[in-house]
Amino acid sequence: MQMSPFESPVVQKTLAIALILFCLGGVVSARQDLALFELGRPHKGQHLYYLPPAKTLRRLSLGFTTTAADLIWIRALLYVGSHFNKERGDIAWVGKYAQTITTLDPKFKYAYRWGAALLLYNRHKTNRTHTKKSIAILKKGYKHFPESFEFARALGMSYLFEIKLLPRTGPELLQDHQEFCKQPAPKGLKRIELIKKIKRCLRKIAANYIMEAAAKKDAPNHLAILAARIMRKEGSKQSAICDHLLDVLWKAPNKKMRQHIRSRLNMYCGRKELGGFICEEKQFHTRWYRSFPYLTPSLYTLIDIPQSSTKKTPFTLETYLKNSQSPCRK
């Protein structure tokens, strides 16, 4: 018996997508007309890029949420293209578009970065609302891509450079202190002292994100040093800086980077055992280069057995200090 053309999976999928387009277009058009009516604007010559709630779009997509996300993505690009270069163009809807797209398709990685960047870097003066929306999008992306150093780095840079404290009123600064320092501001602080305290809290948050980014696979080499510099500026404990640099030292993929980290270790860390630890690290990287240079140092630790250790992992500072048989300590 011959199969009906409508029973073909390809035809059914095509019809479903066409239905999605029709439904989305109808809903958006209806909501746009309603919004224009409520604003008292004539429809002719006006173009309102309104988006229904993500939940509504999810239901209308009939399970094709990634297709719906792609359609919204195209509409978002048209919106930005028609507004970005205008003298009074407004791209305030970028955050809404980015949130909707990533709700429909959480794995749309570029949409997170696109929305966060456009909210901060455009032809118009950004404010705290734009910054908070940008950070919220980056945090959402980091949640879905925890292995990516890009989101952790972007969050660190946002807290370090993008949150402006001037001009902020006294009550707003108190709210900032509560938000970023996680505690009420001490009473009697002068405005300049309060701003300095908030900046210190912001730098600590930034350093934590950048440290996380530095530990990710494929992270740029400079992130470890940047995190240490921020921690140093904030007067963080020497042990925290040393532990961070020592951890990154094992993972550094090239000789120049390791030399830079060693110089920082000599600057920040005054432990007597540090020389022996660096000796162990040099031996490890020599074995790695001679045996499996095509592996990353982190992966090589799974198969490397140092002569002075029975574990299949390189030394940490803690285990090294407990190891009295290390040849580097003789």
Protein backbone atom coordinates (compact mmCIF):
# COMPACT_ATOMS: atom_id res chain seq x y z
CA MET A 1 0.00 0.00 0.00
CA GLN A 2 1.42 3.35 -1.04
CA MET A 3 2.21 5.74 1.81
CA SER A 4 0.45 9.10 1.80
CA PRO A 5 2.78 12.08 1.29
CA PHE A 6 1.60 13.48 4.63
CA GLU A 7 2.83 10.35 6.42
CA SER A 8 6.43 11.02 5.41
CA PRO A 9 8.59 12.10 8.41
CA VAL A 10 10.23 14.82 6.31
CA VAL A 11 6.88 16.27 5.27
CA GLN A 12 5.56 16.10 8.82
CA LYS A 13 8.63 17.90 10.16
CA THR A 14 8.36 20.57 7.46
CA LEU A 15 4.69 21.14 8.25
CA ALA A 16 5.46 21.35 11.96
CA ILE A 17 8.12 23.99 11.37
CA ALA A 18 5.76 25.93 9.11
CA LEU A 19 3.11 25.80 11.83
CA ILE A 20 5.62 27.07 14.36
CA LEU A 21 6.51 29.99 12.11
CA PHE A 22 2.85 30.81 11.59
CA CYS A 23 2.04 30.65 15.31
CA LEU A 24 5.08 32.65 16.37
CA GLY A 25 4.42 35.27 13.74
CA GLY A 26 0.78 35.55 14.74
CA VAL A 27 1.48 35.84 18.45
CA VAL A 28 4.28 38.37 18.03
CA SER A 29 2.21 40.45 15.60
CA ALA A 30 -0.82 40.43 17.90
CA ARG A 31 1.22 41.38 20.95
CA GLN A 32 2.99 44.08 18.94
CA ASP A 33 -0.32 45.61 17.81
CA LEU A 34 -1.59 45.52 21.39
CA ALA A 35 1.52 47.23 22.71
CA LEU A 36 1.32 49.92 20.03
CA PHE A 37 -2.33 50.51 20.85
CA GLU A 38 -1.56 50.82 24.57
CA LEU A 39 1.26 53.27 23.81
CA GLY A 40 -1.05 55.33 21.64
CA ARG A 41 1.27 55.12 18.62
CA PRO A 42 0.11 54.68 15.03
CA HIS A 43 1.05 51.35 13.49
CA LYS A 44 2.31 52.83 10.21
CA GLY A 45 6.05 53.41 10.21
CA GLN A 46 6.48 51.86 13.64
CA HIS A 47 8.37 48.66 14.32
CA LEU A 48 8.15 47.28 17.84
CA TYR A 49 10.38 44.27 18.45
CA TYR A 50 8.23 42.75 21.15
CA LEU A 51 8.84 39.23 22.46
CA PRO A 52 6.23 37.06 24.17
CA PRO A 53 7.34 35.29 27.36
CA ALA A 54 9.75 32.39 26.86
CA LYS A 55 7.21 29.99 28.37
CA THR A 56 4.67 30.96 25.71
CA LEU A 57 7.21 30.50 22.93
CA ARG A 58 8.23 27.13 24.35
CA ARG A 59 4.63 25.89 24.19
CA LEU A 60 4.14 27.24 20.68
CA SER A 61 7.34 25.58 19.45
CA LEU A 62 5.72 22.13 19.79
CA GLY A 63 9.02 20.68 20.99
CA PHE A 64 11.17 22.39 18.34
CA THR A 65 12.69 24.78 20.87
CA THR A 66 16.07 25.05 19.13
CA THR A 67 14.30 26.01 15.89
CA ALA A 68 12.35 28.67 17.76
CA ALA A 69 15.61 29.93 19.30
CA ASP A 70 17.14 30.23 15.83
CA LEU A 71 14.16 32.25 14.62
CA ILE A 72 14.37 34.60 17.60
CA TRP A 73 18.12 34.87 16.99
CA ILE A 74 17.50 36.07 13.42
CA ARG A 75 14.95 38.58 14.69
CA ALA A 76 17.44 39.79 17.32
CA LEU A 77 20.12 40.39 14.70
CA LEU A 78 17.64 42.39 12.60
CA TYR A 79 16.69 44.40 15.68
CA VAL A 80 20.30 45.26 16.54
CA GLY A 81 21.15 46.00 12.92
CA SER A 82 18.34 48.52 12.60
CA HIS A 83 19.03 50.25 15.92
CA PHE A 84 22.74 50.04 16.70
CA ASN A 85 24.00 52.82 14.39
CA LYS A 86 21.12 55.23 14.89
CA GLU A 87 21.87 58.42 16.80
CA ARG A 88 19.08 57.71 19.25
CA GLY A 89 18.83 54.03 18.61
CA ASP A 90 17.90 51.95 21.62
CA ILE A 91 19.09 48.38 22.07
CA ALA A 92 17.55 47.89 25.50
CA TRP A 93 15.78 44.77 24.23
CA VAL A 94 19.07 42.93 23.69
CA GLY A 95 18.94 41.46 27.19
CA LYS A 96 15.40 40.21 26.64
CA TYR A 97 16.36 38.61 23.33
CA ALA A 98 19.44 36.93 24.80
CA GLN A 99 17.50 35.57 27.79
CA THR A 100 14.70 34.25 25.56
CA ILE A 101 17.07 32.61 23.08
CA THR A 102 19.11 30.91 25.79
CA THR A 103 15.99 29.77 27.63
CA LEU A 104 14.73 28.05 24.48
CA ASP A 105 18.20 26.69 23.65
CA PRO A 106 20.50 26.66 26.73
CA LYS A 107 23.40 25.32 24.62
CA PHE A 108 23.41 28.32 22.27
CA LYS A 109 26.80 29.44 23.58
CA TYR A 110 27.37 32.42 21.33
CA ALA A 111 24.02 34.01 22.28
CA TYR A 112 25.19 34.42 25.89
CA ARG A 113 28.37 36.22 24.89
CA TRP A 114 26.58 38.27 22.22
CA GLY A 115 23.94 39.57 24.62
CA ALA A 116 26.35 40.27 27.49
CA ALA A 117 28.79 42.14 25.26
CA LEU A 118 26.18 44.27 23.48
CA LEU A 119 24.62 45.38 26.75
CA LEU A 120 27.97 46.80 27.86
CA TYR A 121 29.71 47.87 24.67
CA ASN A 122 27.55 49.95 22.36
CA ARG A 123 27.21 53.53 21.18
CA HIS A 124 25.08 54.52 24.13
CA LYS A 125 25.94 55.18 27.75
CA THR A 126 25.47 52.06 29.84
CA ASN A 127 24.11 52.10 33.37
CA ARG A 128 23.95 49.73 36.31
CA THR A 129 20.84 48.05 34.91
CA HIS A 130 22.69 47.12 31.72
CA THR A 131 25.65 45.85 33.74
CA LYS A 132 23.48 43.68 35.99
CA LYS A 133 21.66 42.22 32.98
CA SER A 134 24.99 41.48 31.31
CA ILE A 135 26.36 39.72 34.41
CA ALA A 136 23.12 37.75 34.78
CA ILE A 137 23.46 36.48 31.20
CA LEU A 138 27.12 35.52 31.79
CA LYS A 139 26.23 33.65 34.99
CA LYS A 140 23.50 31.80 33.14
CA GLY A 141 26.01 30.84 30.45
CA TYR A 142 28.59 29.77 33.04
CA LYS A 143 25.98 27.52 34.63
CA HIS A 144 25.42 25.70 31.33
CA PHE A 145 29.11 25.74 30.30
CA PRO A 146 31.05 25.26 33.56
CA GLU A 147 34.05 23.86 31.69
CA SER A 148 34.50 27.03 29.61
CA PHE A 149 37.06 29.55 30.82
CA GLU A 150 35.44 32.28 28.70
CA PHE A 151 32.45 32.85 30.99
CA ALA A 152 34.53 32.81 34.18
CA ARG A 153 36.99 35.26 32.65
CA ALA A 154 34.21 37.54 31.37
CA LEU A 155 32.55 37.56 34.80
CA GLY A 156 35.86 38.43 36.45
CA MET A 157 36.46 41.29 34.04
CA SER A 158 32.91 42.56 34.47
CA TYR A 159 33.27 42.76 38.25
CA LEU A 160 36.73 44.28 37.89
CA PHE A 161 36.01 47.01 35.34
CA GLU A 162 32.32 47.38 34.47
CA ILE A 163 30.59 48.07 37.78
CA LYS A 164 30.83 51.82 38.25
CA LEU A 165 30.44 53.35 41.69
CA LEU A 166 30.34 56.97 40.55
CA PRO A 167 27.99 58.70 40.54
CA ARG A 168 26.09 56.69 43.16
CA THR A 169 24.05 58.12 46.02
CA GLY A 170 24.67 57.20 49.65
CA PRO A 171 21.75 54.73 49.88
CA GLU A 172 22.80 53.13 46.59
CA LEU A 173 26.35 52.63 47.87
CA LEU A 174 24.98 50.98 51.01
CA GLN A 175 23.01 48.59 48.78
CA ASP A 176 26.18 47.92 46.76
CA HIS A 177 28.08 47.07 49.93
CA GLN A 178 25.37 44.65 51.00
CA GLU A 179 25.30 43.03 47.55
CA PHE A 180 29.03 42.69 46.88
CA CYS A 181 30.46 42.40 50.40
CA LYS A 182 27.59 40.23 51.70
CA GLN A 183 27.24 42.27 54.88
CA PRO A 184 25.90 45.67 55.97
CA ALA A 185 28.31 48.57 55.75
CA PRO A 186 29.85 49.76 59.04
CA LYS A 187 28.16 52.85 60.38
CA GLY A 188 29.91 56.19 60.21
CA LEU A 189 31.96 55.45 57.09
CA LYS A 190 32.72 58.39 54.85
CA ARG A 191 31.68 58.16 51.22
CA ILE A 192 35.23 57.70 49.93
CA GLU A 193 35.94 54.95 52.49
CA LEU A 194 32.72 53.16 51.58
CA ILE A 195 33.63 53.24 47.89
CA LYS A 196 37.09 51.81 48.65
CA LYS A 197 35.57 48.94 50.63
CA ILE A 198 33.15 48.11 47.82
CA LYS A 199 35.99 48.19 45.27
CA ARG A 200 37.97 45.74 47.39
CA CYS A 201 34.98 43.39 47.50
CA LEU A 202 34.55 43.68 43.73
CA ARG A 203 38.23 42.87 43.16
CA LYS A 204 37.99 39.80 45.39
CA ILE A 205 34.97 38.55 43.43
CA ALA A 206 36.84 39.22 40.19
CA ALA A 207 39.96 37.38 41.43
CA ASN A 208 37.90 34.31 42.34
CA TYR A 209 36.33 34.14 38.89
CA ILE A 210 39.68 34.66 37.15
CA MET A 211 41.25 31.95 39.32
CA GLU A 212 38.47 29.60 38.22
CA ALA A 213 39.09 30.59 34.61
CA ALA A 214 42.83 29.96 34.94
CA ALA A 215 42.17 26.39 36.10
CA LYS A 216 40.07 25.55 33.03
CA LYS A 217 41.34 23.59 30.08
CA ASP A 218 42.67 25.77 27.23
CA ALA A 219 42.71 28.88 29.45
CA PRO A 220 45.21 31.57 28.39
CA ASN A 221 48.46 31.50 30.34
CA HIS A 222 48.20 35.06 31.62
CA LEU A 223 45.06 34.46 33.70
CA ALA A 224 46.94 32.79 36.56
CA ILE A 225 49.29 35.76 36.88
CA LEU A 226 46.40 38.24 36.62
CA ALA A 227 44.55 36.52 39.47
CA ALA A 228 47.70 36.57 41.62
CA ARG A 229 48.20 40.28 40.94
CA ILE A 230 44.66 41.10 42.01
CA MET A 231 45.01 38.98 45.15
CA ARG A 232 48.35 40.62 45.91
CA LYS A 233 46.84 44.09 45.54
CA GLU A 234 44.06 43.18 47.93
CA GLY A 235 46.47 41.87 50.54
CA SER A 236 45.27 38.29 50.30
CA LYS A 237 47.10 35.75 52.41
CA GLN A 238 50.47 34.73 51.05
CA SER A 239 49.56 31.06 51.37
CA ALA A 240 46.51 31.52 49.11
CA ILE A 241 48.61 33.19 46.42
CA CYS A 242 51.34 30.56 46.68
CA ASP A 243 48.92 27.65 46.55
CA HIS A 244 47.22 29.12 43.51
CA LEU A 245 50.49 29.67 41.63
CA LEU A 246 51.85 26.26 42.59
CA ASP A 247 48.70 24.58 41.35
CA VAL A 248 48.88 26.41 38.03
CA LEU A 249 52.62 25.71 37.71
CA TRP A 250 51.97 22.02 37.15
CA LYS A 251 49.48 22.75 34.36
CA ALA A 252 51.53 25.38 32.51
CA PRO A 253 52.02 24.05 28.96
CA ASN A 254 55.16 25.98 27.96
CA LYS A 255 58.56 26.84 29.38
CA LYS A 256 58.16 30.61 29.21
CA MET A 257 54.98 30.52 31.25
CA ARG A 258 56.57 28.28 33.89
CA GLN A 259 59.53 30.63 34.20
CA HIS A 260 57.15 33.55 34.74
CA ILE A 261 55.25 31.66 37.44
CA ARG A 262 58.48 30.63 39.19
CA SER A 263 59.60 34.26 39.33
CA ARG A 264 56.27 35.18 40.92
CA LEU A 265 56.62 32.33 43.40
CA ASN A 266 60.05 33.61 44.42
CA MET A 267 58.54 37.06 44.87
CA TYR A 268 55.45 36.06 46.87
CA CYS A 269 56.45 32.90 48.72
CA GLY A 270 59.19 32.82 51.33
CA ARG A 271 59.03 29.14 52.28
CA LYS A 272 62.31 27.28 52.62
CA GLU A 273 60.88 24.21 50.95
CA LEU A 274 59.89 26.14 47.84
CA GLY A 275 63.20 25.47 46.12
CA GLY A 276 62.74 21.73 46.49
CA PHE A 277 59.18 21.93 45.23
CA ILE A 278 60.25 23.78 42.08
CA CYS A 279 62.95 21.13 41.61
CA GLU A 280 60.23 18.46 41.65
CA GLU A 281 58.15 20.46 39.20
CA LYS A 282 61.08 20.80 36.79
CA GLN A 283 61.71 17.05 36.95
CA PHE A 284 58.03 16.40 36.23
CA HIS A 285 57.99 18.61 33.14
CA THR A 286 61.25 17.05 31.93
CA ARG A 287 59.67 13.59 32.14
CA TRP A 288 56.55 14.88 30.41
CA TYR A 289 58.50 16.47 27.53
CA ARG A 290 60.66 13.38 27.00
CA SER A 291 57.84 10.85 27.26
CA PHE A 292 54.50 12.27 26.07
CA PRO A 293 54.92 15.89 24.88
CA TYR A 294 51.74 15.59 22.79
CA LEU A 295 49.66 15.22 25.98
CA THR A 296 48.72 18.16 28.15
CA PRO A 297 50.60 18.31 31.48
CA SER A 298 47.31 17.74 33.33
CA LEU A 299 46.63 14.56 31.35
CA TYR A 300 50.21 13.34 31.76
CA THR A 301 49.77 13.39 35.55
CA LEU A 302 47.43 10.41 35.19
CA ILE A 303 50.21 8.17 33.87
CA ASP A 304 53.30 9.71 35.45
CA ILE A 305 54.85 8.04 38.52
CA PRO A 306 57.54 10.29 40.02
CA GLN A 307 60.54 8.46 41.45
CA SER A 308 59.97 9.93 44.87
CA SER A 309 56.26 9.12 45.01
CA THR A 310 54.08 6.02 44.66
CA LYS A 311 51.03 8.04 43.57
CA LYS A 312 50.08 8.58 39.95
CA THR A 313 49.81 12.31 40.43
CA PRO A 314 52.42 15.06 40.71
CA PHE A 315 53.23 16.57 44.06
CA THR A 316 51.19 19.26 45.64
CA LEU A 317 52.96 21.46 48.14
CA GLU A 318 51.23 19.67 51.02
CA THR A 319 52.22 16.17 49.91
CA TYR A 320 55.71 17.31 49.03
CA LEU A 321 56.35 18.71 52.50
CA LYS A 322 55.35 15.33 53.95
CA ASN A 323 57.67 13.43 51.61
CA SER A 324 61.11 13.12 53.20
CA GLN A 325 62.43 10.83 50.42
CA SER A 326 62.31 13.43 47.67
CA PRO A 327 65.64 13.54 45.79
CA CYS A 328 65.22 17.29 45.37
CA ARG A 329 65.51 17.76 49.13
CA LYS A 330 68.92 16.18 49.45
